[in-house]
């Protein structure tokens, strides 16, 4: 009988689970969530950009329509380009009962400018969309870009230009079709949703026309030449107009301002 002592062999105990695989899976899940969140934010941002651009384009088209409407107003035309036909129901169409009339003869220019200059100094020298050329008021440096001005201490504000005169409640600016008879359509079927909206001063669109007398002798001064002869300005009366059109978008933050210099030349007929 073998009396040799039996010594059991040592064995390795199983190691505890360290969770490395679970940690890796959690990292991948988090990365996937971050990627999905980034994609969602990028999509929303792109949608905002497209929406803002589309609203700007709508407001830009509305401002262009206002510029054209102001040109027709100056020329005394209907929206279709025909001679303006007064309305029996709206005294504003063709400026039938409006004091501010665009001059046809030279002598009418001074009368119009004098009437506008008599407006209160504290307010805009504008009425019914017709204005004196914007310039600094006594003691103040008026902002030429009044649409960016909200402080009366810096000059005429946008709120004033879209408001009324306290003395007679007459409007300062002009709306689309107000003096040309251009139809903005109905609420259910508007010709232009932006220009149709007149529910508030900061809705829809406005235009203002500055009357700027032109020196008739300038055409013979040699300052403007074409070839060997002076450029015939052919202006009667000698007046140039600066049109400022402002249109709001469907979003409250969208605003478009366009300006144009316009002259009404004498026709051969």
C-alpha atoms as a PDB file:
ATOM      1  CA  UNK A   1       0.000   0.000   0.000  1.00  0.00           C
ATOM      2  CA  UNK A   2       1.391   3.283  -1.063  1.00  0.00           C
ATOM      3  CA  UNK A   3       1.390   5.664   1.863  1.00  0.00           C
ATOM      4  CA  UNK A   4       2.421   8.679  -0.281  1.00  0.00           C
ATOM      5  CA  UNK A   5       0.525  11.805   0.731  1.00  0.00           C
ATOM      6  CA  UNK A   6      -1.877  13.080  -1.968  1.00  0.00           C
ATOM      7  CA  UNK A   7      -1.529  16.752  -2.698  1.00  0.00           C
ATOM      8  CA  UNK A   8      -4.434  18.238  -4.695  1.00  0.00           C
ATOM      9  CA  UNK A   9      -3.522  20.307  -7.716  1.00  0.00           C
ATOM     10  CA  UNK A  10      -4.243  24.007  -7.532  1.00  0.00           C
ATOM     11  CA  UNK A  11      -6.819  25.339 -10.031  1.00  0.00           C
ATOM     12  CA  UNK A  12      -7.459  28.895 -11.345  1.00  0.00           C
ATOM     13  CA  UNK A  13     -10.669  30.429 -10.051  1.00  0.00           C
ATOM     14  CA  UNK A  14     -12.879  32.038 -12.749  1.00  0.00           C
ATOM     15  CA  UNK A  15     -12.398  35.807 -13.027  1.00  0.00           C
ATOM     16  CA  UNK A  16     -15.258  38.207 -12.303  1.00  0.00           C
ATOM     17  CA  UNK A  17     -16.961  39.930 -15.293  1.00  0.00           C
ATOM     18  CA  UNK A  18     -15.346  43.353 -16.008  1.00  0.00           C
ATOM     19  CA  UNK A  19     -18.141  44.837 -18.244  1.00  0.00           C
ATOM     20  CA  UNK A  20     -15.886  46.000 -21.120  1.00  0.00           C
ATOM     21  CA  UNK A  21     -18.365  44.910 -23.769  1.00  0.00           C
ATOM     22  CA  UNK A  22     -21.191  46.751 -22.024  1.00  0.00           C
ATOM     23  CA  UNK A  23     -19.068  49.916 -21.825  1.00  0.00           C
ATOM     24  CA  UNK A  24     -18.295  49.746 -25.556  1.00  0.00           C
ATOM     25  CA  UNK A  25     -21.972  49.259 -26.401  1.00  0.00           C
ATOM     26  CA  UNK A  26     -22.917  52.259 -24.266  1.00  0.00           C
ATOM     27  CA  UNK A  27     -20.360  54.430 -26.068  1.00  0.00           C
ATOM     28  CA  UNK A  28     -21.742  53.410 -29.454  1.00  0.00           C
ATOM     29  CA  UNK A  29     -25.293  54.123 -28.296  1.00  0.00           C
ATOM     30  CA  UNK A  30     -24.275  57.566 -27.068  1.00  0.00           C
ATOM     31  CA  UNK A  31     -22.454  58.313 -30.331  1.00  0.00           C
ATOM     32  CA  UNK A  32     -25.522  57.226 -32.287  1.00  0.00           C
ATOM     33  CA  UNK A  33     -27.735  59.495 -30.197  1.00  0.00           C
ATOM     34  CA  UNK A  34     -25.376  62.437 -30.692  1.00  0.00           C
ATOM     35  CA  UNK A  35     -25.294  61.785 -34.428  1.00  0.00           C
ATOM     36  CA  UNK A  36     -29.088  61.656 -34.600  1.00  0.00           C
ATOM     37  CA  UNK A  37     -29.344  64.854 -32.541  1.00  0.00           C
ATOM     38  CA  UNK A  38     -26.838  66.634 -34.810  1.00  0.00           C
ATOM     39  CA  UNK A  39     -28.733  65.507 -37.917  1.00  0.00           C
ATOM     40  CA  UNK A  40     -32.001  66.739 -36.401  1.00  0.00           C
ATOM     41  CA  UNK A  41     -30.529  70.139 -35.497  1.00  0.00           C
ATOM     42  CA  UNK A  42     -28.977  70.478 -38.951  1.00  0.00           C
ATOM     43  CA  UNK A  43     -32.332  69.720 -40.534  1.00  0.00           C
ATOM     44  CA  UNK A  44     -34.095  72.310 -38.375  1.00  0.00           C
ATOM     45  CA  UNK A  45     -31.392  74.891 -39.112  1.00  0.00           C
ATOM     46  CA  UNK A  46     -31.652  74.278 -42.858  1.00  0.00           C
ATOM     47  CA  UNK A  47     -35.425  74.584 -42.656  1.00  0.00           C
ATOM     48  CA  UNK A  48     -35.049  77.924 -40.860  1.00  0.00           C
ATOM     49  CA  UNK A  49     -32.631  79.171 -43.514  1.00  0.00           C
ATOM     50  CA  UNK A  50     -34.936  78.151 -46.343  1.00  0.00           C
ATOM     51  CA  UNK A  51     -37.946  79.655 -44.559  1.00  0.00           C
ATOM     52  CA  UNK A  52     -36.171  82.958 -43.891  1.00  0.00           C
ATOM     53  CA  UNK A  53     -34.953  83.192 -47.470  1.00  0.00           C
ATOM     54  CA  UNK A  54     -38.420  82.450 -48.848  1.00  0.00           C
ATOM     55  CA  UNK A  55     -39.958  85.116 -46.598  1.00  0.00           C
ATOM     56  CA  UNK A  56     -37.316  87.624 -47.686  1.00  0.00           C
ATOM     57  CA  UNK A  57     -38.057  86.911 -51.340  1.00  0.00           C
ATOM     58  CA  UNK A  58     -41.769  87.444 -50.727  1.00  0.00           C
ATOM     59  CA  UNK A  59     -41.083  90.776 -49.030  1.00  0.00           C
ATOM     60  CA  UNK A  60     -38.661  91.757 -51.805  1.00  0.00           C
ATOM     61  CA  UNK A  61     -41.340  91.143 -54.447  1.00  0.00           C
ATOM     62  CA  UNK A  62     -43.798  93.199 -52.396  1.00  0.00           C
ATOM     63  CA  UNK A  63     -41.308  96.087 -52.185  1.00  0.00           C
ATOM     64  CA  UNK A  64     -40.830  95.959 -55.966  1.00  0.00           C
ATOM     65  CA  UNK A  65     -44.600  96.148 -56.421  1.00  0.00           C
ATOM     66  CA  UNK A  66     -44.660  99.202 -54.136  1.00  0.00           C
ATOM     67  CA  UNK A  67     -41.948 100.890 -56.224  1.00  0.00           C
ATOM     68  CA  UNK A  68     -43.989 100.341 -59.377  1.00  0.00           C
ATOM     69  CA  UNK A  69     -47.155 101.555 -57.670  1.00  0.00           C
ATOM     70  CA  UNK A  70     -45.345 104.747 -56.597  1.00  0.00           C
ATOM     71  CA  UNK A  71     -44.181 105.340 -60.187  1.00  0.00           C
ATOM     72  CA  UNK A  72     -47.760 105.059 -61.408  1.00  0.00           C
ATOM     73  CA  UNK A  73     -48.863 107.395 -58.623  1.00  0.00           C
ATOM     74  CA  UNK A  74     -46.365 110.026 -59.801  1.00  0.00           C
ATOM     75  CA  UNK A  75     -47.456 109.665 -63.423  1.00  0.00           C
ATOM     76  CA  UNK A  76     -51.180 109.740 -62.607  1.00  0.00           C
ATOM     77  CA  UNK A  77     -51.878 106.272 -63.966  1.00  0.00           C
ATOM     78  CA  UNK A  78     -54.008 103.294 -63.073  1.00  0.00           C
ATOM     79  CA  UNK A  79     -52.469  99.970 -62.184  1.00  0.00           C
ATOM     80  CA  UNK A  80     -52.804  98.841 -65.819  1.00  0.00           C
ATOM     81  CA  UNK A  81     -50.884 101.871 -67.112  1.00  0.00           C
ATOM     82  CA  UNK A  82     -53.913 103.786 -68.388  1.00  0.00           C
ATOM     83  CA  UNK A  83     -54.707 107.352 -67.374  1.00  0.00           C
ATOM     84  CA  UNK A  84     -55.886 107.344 -63.772  1.00  0.00           C
ATOM     85  CA  UNK A  85     -59.658 107.117 -63.507  1.00  0.00           C
ATOM     86  CA  UNK A  86     -61.103 108.656 -60.316  1.00  0.00           C
ATOM     87  CA  UNK A  87     -63.288 106.412 -58.220  1.00  0.00           C
ATOM     88  CA  UNK A  88     -66.791 107.448 -57.224  1.00  0.00           C
ATOM     89  CA  UNK A  89     -66.432 105.670 -53.890  1.00  0.00           C
ATOM     90  CA  UNK A  90     -62.798 106.334 -52.948  1.00  0.00           C
ATOM     91  CA  UNK A  91     -61.652 109.973 -53.023  1.00  0.00           C
ATOM     92  CA  UNK A  92     -58.019 108.913 -52.580  1.00  0.00           C
ATOM     93  CA  UNK A  93     -57.779 107.192 -55.960  1.00  0.00           C
ATOM     94  CA  UNK A  94     -55.991 109.499 -58.422  1.00  0.00           C
ATOM     95  CA  UNK A  95     -55.548 111.869 -55.424  1.00  0.00           C
ATOM     96  CA  UNK A  96     -58.972 113.279 -56.257  1.00  0.00           C
ATOM     97  CA  UNK A  97     -59.462 114.921 -52.855  1.00  0.00           C
ATOM     98  CA  UNK A  98     -55.839 114.970 -51.688  1.00  0.00           C
ATOM     99  CA  UNK A  99     -53.935 118.224 -51.195  1.00  0.00           C
ATOM    100  CA  UNK A 100     -50.591 116.735 -52.242  1.00  0.00           C
ATOM    101  CA  UNK A 101     -50.597 116.634 -56.040  1.00  0.00           C
ATOM    102  CA  UNK A 102     -47.534 115.898 -58.148  1.00  0.00           C
ATOM    103  CA  UNK A 103     -46.602 119.025 -60.123  1.00  0.00           C
ATOM    104  CA  UNK A 104     -47.251 119.151 -63.841  1.00  0.00           C
ATOM    105  CA  UNK A 105     -46.062 122.724 -64.375  1.00  0.00           C
ATOM    106  CA  UNK A 106     -43.006 124.438 -62.965  1.00  0.00           C
ATOM    107  CA  UNK A 107     -45.013 126.921 -60.894  1.00  0.00           C
ATOM    108  CA  UNK A 108     -46.698 124.074 -58.995  1.00  0.00           C
ATOM    109  CA  UNK A 109     -43.407 122.802 -57.589  1.00  0.00           C
ATOM    110  CA  UNK A 110     -42.908 125.717 -55.201  1.00  0.00           C
ATOM    111  CA  UNK A 111     -46.469 125.497 -53.899  1.00  0.00           C
ATOM    112  CA  UNK A 112     -46.144 121.793 -53.108  1.00  0.00           C
ATOM    113  CA  UNK A 113     -42.785 122.226 -51.373  1.00  0.00           C
ATOM    114  CA  UNK A 114     -44.110 125.159 -49.317  1.00  0.00           C
ATOM    115  CA  UNK A 115     -47.117 123.140 -48.140  1.00  0.00           C
ATOM    116  CA  UNK A 116     -44.883 120.259 -47.053  1.00  0.00           C
ATOM    117  CA  UNK A 117     -42.454 122.610 -45.342  1.00  0.00           C
ATOM    118  CA  UNK A 118     -45.308 124.013 -43.249  1.00  0.00           C
ATOM    119  CA  UNK A 119     -45.773 120.678 -41.522  1.00  0.00           C
ATOM    120  CA  UNK A 120     -44.602 120.619 -37.858  1.00  0.00           C
ATOM    121  CA  UNK A 121     -40.825 120.493 -37.411  1.00  0.00           C
ATOM    122  CA  UNK A 122     -41.150 117.735 -34.817  1.00  0.00           C
ATOM    123  CA  UNK A 123     -42.682 115.333 -37.329  1.00  0.00           C
ATOM    124  CA  UNK A 124     -41.893 114.091 -40.826  1.00  0.00           C
ATOM    125  CA  UNK A 125     -42.120 116.558 -43.690  1.00  0.00           C
ATOM    126  CA  UNK A 126     -44.324 114.044 -45.458  1.00  0.00           C
ATOM    127  CA  UNK A 127     -48.029 113.638 -46.026  1.00  0.00           C
ATOM    128  CA  UNK A 128     -49.949 111.104 -48.086  1.00  0.00           C
ATOM    129  CA  UNK A 129     -46.683 109.583 -49.245  1.00  0.00           C
ATOM    130  CA  UNK A 130     -45.248 112.859 -50.631  1.00  0.00           C
ATOM    131  CA  UNK A 131     -42.199 114.277 -48.852  1.00  0.00           C
ATOM    132  CA  UNK A 132     -39.628 117.017 -48.850  1.00  0.00           C
ATOM    133  CA  UNK A 133     -36.122 115.776 -49.512  1.00  0.00           C
ATOM    134  CA  UNK A 134     -34.886 114.319 -46.239  1.00  0.00           C
ATOM    135  CA  UNK A 135     -32.353 116.534 -44.495  1.00  0.00           C
ATOM    136  CA  UNK A 136     -31.190 117.390 -41.017  1.00  0.00           C
ATOM    137  CA  UNK A 137     -33.696 119.191 -38.818  1.00  0.00           C
ATOM    138  CA  UNK A 138     -32.555 122.133 -36.669  1.00  0.00           C
ATOM    139  CA  UNK A 139     -30.428 120.822 -33.824  1.00  0.00           C
ATOM    140  CA  UNK A 140     -30.684 117.184 -34.906  1.00  0.00           C
ATOM    141  CA  UNK A 141     -28.830 114.902 -37.247  1.00  0.00           C
ATOM    142  CA  UNK A 142     -31.649 112.977 -38.829  1.00  0.00           C
ATOM    143  CA  UNK A 143     -30.949 109.452 -39.911  1.00  0.00           C
ATOM    144  CA  UNK A 144     -31.353 109.060 -43.636  1.00  0.00           C
ATOM    145  CA  UNK A 145     -32.171 105.402 -43.034  1.00  0.00           C
ATOM    146  CA  UNK A 146     -35.178 106.159 -40.855  1.00  0.00           C
ATOM    147  CA  UNK A 147     -36.279 102.522 -41.116  1.00  0.00           C
ATOM    148  CA  UNK A 148     -33.407 101.623 -38.771  1.00  0.00           C
ATOM    149  CA  UNK A 149     -34.187 104.367 -36.270  1.00  0.00           C
ATOM    150  CA  UNK A 150     -36.278 103.772 -33.159  1.00  0.00           C
ATOM    151  CA  UNK A 151     -35.051 106.759 -31.133  1.00  0.00           C
ATOM    152  CA  UNK A 152     -36.684 110.158 -31.625  1.00  0.00           C
ATOM    153  CA  UNK A 153     -33.518 111.773 -30.253  1.00  0.00           C
ATOM    154  CA  UNK A 154     -31.689 110.548 -33.370  1.00  0.00           C
ATOM    155  CA  UNK A 155     -34.286 111.946 -35.761  1.00  0.00           C
ATOM    156  CA  UNK A 156     -37.437 110.826 -37.508  1.00  0.00           C
ATOM    157  CA  UNK A 157     -38.339 107.258 -36.586  1.00  0.00           C
ATOM    158  CA  UNK A 158     -39.952 104.471 -38.568  1.00  0.00           C
ATOM    159  CA  UNK A 159     -42.981 104.660 -36.264  1.00  0.00           C
ATOM    160  CA  UNK A 160     -43.449 108.301 -37.263  1.00  0.00           C
ATOM    161  CA  UNK A 161     -43.084 107.550 -40.979  1.00  0.00           C
ATOM    162  CA  UNK A 162     -45.781 104.873 -40.769  1.00  0.00           C
ATOM    163  CA  UNK A 163     -48.052 106.902 -38.486  1.00  0.00           C
ATOM    164  CA  UNK A 164     -50.259 109.971 -38.842  1.00  0.00           C
ATOM    165  CA  UNK A 165     -49.892 113.675 -38.189  1.00  0.00           C
ATOM    166  CA  UNK A 166     -51.303 114.705 -34.820  1.00  0.00           C
ATOM    167  CA  UNK A 167     -52.691 117.951 -36.214  1.00  0.00           C
ATOM    168  CA  UNK A 168     -55.092 116.492 -38.770  1.00  0.00           C
ATOM    169  CA  UNK A 169     -54.655 112.691 -38.525  1.00  0.00           C
ATOM    170  CA  UNK A 170     -53.488 112.607 -42.142  1.00  0.00           C
ATOM    171  CA  UNK A 171     -51.257 109.643 -43.035  1.00  0.00           C
ATOM    172  CA  UNK A 172     -47.540 110.165 -43.502  1.00  0.00           C
ATOM    173  CA  UNK A 173     -46.850 107.271 -45.874  1.00  0.00           C
ATOM    174  CA  UNK A 174     -48.814 105.594 -48.655  1.00  0.00           C
ATOM    175  CA  UNK A 175     -50.066 102.041 -49.008  1.00  0.00           C
ATOM    176  CA  UNK A 176     -50.133  99.904 -52.133  1.00  0.00           C
ATOM    177  CA  UNK A 177     -53.000 100.897 -54.434  1.00  0.00           C
ATOM    178  CA  UNK A 178     -54.089 103.739 -52.176  1.00  0.00           C
ATOM    179  CA  UNK A 179     -53.723 106.363 -54.923  1.00  0.00           C
ATOM    180  CA  UNK A 180     -53.639 104.221 -58.065  1.00  0.00           C
ATOM    181  CA  UNK A 181     -56.649 102.024 -57.401  1.00  0.00           C
ATOM    182  CA  UNK A 182     -54.569  98.836 -57.635  1.00  0.00           C
ATOM    183  CA  UNK A 183     -56.713  96.146 -56.033  1.00  0.00           C
ATOM    184  CA  UNK A 184     -54.988  94.168 -53.246  1.00  0.00           C
ATOM    185  CA  UNK A 185     -57.698  91.496 -53.537  1.00  0.00           C
ATOM    186  CA  UNK A 186     -59.939  90.100 -50.849  1.00  0.00           C
ATOM    187  CA  UNK A 187     -59.029  88.464 -47.564  1.00  0.00           C
ATOM    188  CA  UNK A 188     -59.907  85.072 -49.046  1.00  0.00           C
ATOM    189  CA  UNK A 189     -58.122  85.699 -52.332  1.00  0.00           C
ATOM    190  CA  UNK A 190     -55.474  88.414 -51.870  1.00  0.00           C
ATOM    191  CA  UNK A 191     -53.480  89.557 -54.889  1.00  0.00           C
ATOM    192  CA  UNK A 192     -50.446  89.727 -52.579  1.00  0.00           C
ATOM    193  CA  UNK A 193     -50.776  88.459 -48.985  1.00  0.00           C
ATOM    194  CA  UNK A 194     -48.148  90.917 -47.746  1.00  0.00           C
ATOM    195  CA  UNK A 195     -49.544  94.033 -49.420  1.00  0.00           C
ATOM    196  CA  UNK A 196     -53.087  93.053 -48.517  1.00  0.00           C
ATOM    197  CA  UNK A 197     -52.319  93.160 -44.797  1.00  0.00           C
ATOM    198  CA  UNK A 198     -52.950  96.650 -43.384  1.00  0.00           C
ATOM    199  CA  UNK A 199     -53.898  95.523 -39.890  1.00  0.00           C
ATOM    200  CA  UNK A 200     -51.021  97.412 -38.254  1.00  0.00           C
ATOM    201  CA  UNK A 201     -48.291  99.910 -39.063  1.00  0.00           C
ATOM    202  CA  UNK A 202     -45.681  97.147 -39.025  1.00  0.00           C
ATOM    203  CA  UNK A 203     -47.641  94.976 -41.454  1.00  0.00           C
ATOM    204  CA  UNK A 204     -47.800  95.041 -45.232  1.00  0.00           C
ATOM    205  CA  UNK A 205     -45.864  97.764 -47.017  1.00  0.00           C
ATOM    206  CA  UNK A 206     -45.391 101.519 -47.355  1.00  0.00           C
ATOM    207  CA  UNK A 207     -43.838 103.959 -49.779  1.00  0.00           C
ATOM    208  CA  UNK A 208     -42.690 107.560 -49.586  1.00  0.00           C
ATOM    209  CA  UNK A 209     -41.825 109.862 -52.504  1.00  0.00           C
ATOM    210  CA  UNK A 210     -39.360 112.707 -51.984  1.00  0.00           C
ATOM    211  CA  UNK A 211     -39.779 115.687 -54.307  1.00  0.00           C
ATOM    212  CA  UNK A 212     -36.367 116.980 -55.390  1.00  0.00           C
ATOM    213  CA  UNK A 213     -36.350 120.053 -57.669  1.00  0.00           C
ATOM    214  CA  UNK A 214     -33.875 119.800 -60.514  1.00  0.00           C
ATOM    215  CA  UNK A 215     -31.912 122.745 -61.922  1.00  0.00           C
ATOM    216  CA  UNK A 216     -33.127 123.118 -65.464  1.00  0.00           C
ATOM    217  CA  UNK A 217     -29.880 124.818 -66.500  1.00  0.00           C
ATOM    218  CA  UNK A 218     -27.863 121.770 -65.519  1.00  0.00           C
ATOM    219  CA  UNK A 219     -28.677 120.123 -68.819  1.00  0.00           C
ATOM    220  CA  UNK A 220     -26.672 122.811 -70.590  1.00  0.00           C
ATOM    221  CA  UNK A 221     -23.842 122.957 -68.088  1.00  0.00           C
ATOM    222  CA  UNK A 222     -21.714 120.323 -69.784  1.00  0.00           C
ATOM    223  CA  UNK A 223     -21.749 118.123 -66.666  1.00  0.00           C
ATOM    224  CA  UNK A 224     -23.786 115.446 -68.416  1.00  0.00           C
ATOM    225  CA  UNK A 225     -22.685 114.837 -71.985  1.00  0.00           C
ATOM    226  CA  UNK A 226     -23.297 112.181 -74.575  1.00  0.00           C
ATOM    227  CA  UNK A 227     -20.968 112.301 -77.548  1.00  0.00           C
ATOM    228  CA  UNK A 228     -20.667 115.882 -78.782  1.00  0.00           C
ATOM    229  CA  UNK A 229     -24.016 117.105 -77.428  1.00  0.00           C
ATOM    230  CA  UNK A 230     -25.556 117.428 -73.993  1.00  0.00           C
ATOM    231  CA  UNK A 231     -27.858 114.672 -72.837  1.00  0.00           C
ATOM    232  CA  UNK A 232     -31.428 115.975 -73.247  1.00  0.00           C
ATOM    233  CA  UNK A 233     -33.072 115.602 -69.853  1.00  0.00           C
ATOM    234  CA  UNK A 234     -36.471 116.564 -71.227  1.00  0.00           C
ATOM    235  CA  UNK A 235     -37.955 117.179 -67.784  1.00  0.00           C
ATOM    236  CA  UNK A 236     -41.037 119.326 -67.388  1.00  0.00           C
ATOM    237  CA  UNK A 237     -41.198 120.328 -64.636  1.00  0.00           C
ATOM    238  CA  UNK A 238     -37.584 119.929 -63.546  1.00  0.00           C
ATOM    239  CA  UNK A 239     -38.209 117.556 -60.666  1.00  0.00           C
ATOM    240  CA  UNK A 240     -36.669 114.235 -59.702  1.00  0.00           C
ATOM    241  CA  UNK A 241     -38.305 111.859 -57.247  1.00  0.00           C
ATOM    242  CA  UNK A 242     -36.693 109.482 -54.793  1.00  0.00           C
ATOM    243  CA  UNK A 243     -38.970 106.574 -53.933  1.00  0.00           C
ATOM    244  CA  UNK A 244     -38.451 104.575 -50.744  1.00  0.00           C
ATOM    245  CA  UNK A 245     -40.469 101.364 -50.452  1.00  0.00           C
ATOM    246  CA  UNK A 246     -40.605  99.234 -47.317  1.00  0.00           C
ATOM    247  CA  UNK A 247     -42.249  95.822 -47.092  1.00  0.00           C
ATOM    248  CA  UNK A 248     -42.602  93.495 -44.130  1.00  0.00           C
ATOM    249  CA  UNK A 249     -42.494  89.745 -44.536  1.00  0.00           C
ATOM    250  CA  UNK A 250     -44.905  87.258 -43.056  1.00  0.00           C
ATOM    251  CA  UNK A 251     -42.365  86.900 -40.247  1.00  0.00           C
ATOM    252  CA  UNK A 252     -42.064  89.890 -37.935  1.00  0.00           C
ATOM    253  CA  UNK A 253     -38.263  89.928 -38.305  1.00  0.00           C
ATOM    254  CA  UNK A 254     -38.309  90.247 -42.114  1.00  0.00           C
ATOM    255  CA  UNK A 255     -38.056  93.736 -43.571  1.00  0.00           C
ATOM    256  CA  UNK A 256     -37.016  94.837 -47.068  1.00  0.00           C
ATOM    257  CA  UNK A 257     -36.296  98.437 -48.102  1.00  0.00           C
ATOM    258  CA  UNK A 258     -35.767  99.471 -51.728  1.00  0.00           C
ATOM    259  CA  UNK A 259     -34.982 102.925 -53.099  1.00  0.00           C
ATOM    260  CA  UNK A 260     -35.190 104.290 -56.616  1.00  0.00           C
ATOM    261  CA  UNK A 261     -34.689 107.667 -58.279  1.00  0.00           C
ATOM    262  CA  UNK A 262     -37.425 108.351 -60.805  1.00  0.00           C
ATOM    263  CA  UNK A 263     -37.998 111.195 -63.270  1.00  0.00           C
ATOM    264  CA  UNK A 264     -41.103 111.857 -65.313  1.00  0.00           C
ATOM    265  CA  UNK A 265     -39.981 112.946 -68.744  1.00  0.00           C
ATOM    266  CA  UNK A 266     -42.048 115.066 -71.069  1.00  0.00           C
ATOM    267  CA  UNK A 267     -43.737 113.009 -73.788  1.00  0.00           C
ATOM    268  CA  UNK A 268     -43.662 113.987 -77.420  1.00  0.00           C
ATOM    269  CA  UNK A 269     -47.449 114.161 -77.438  1.00  0.00           C
END
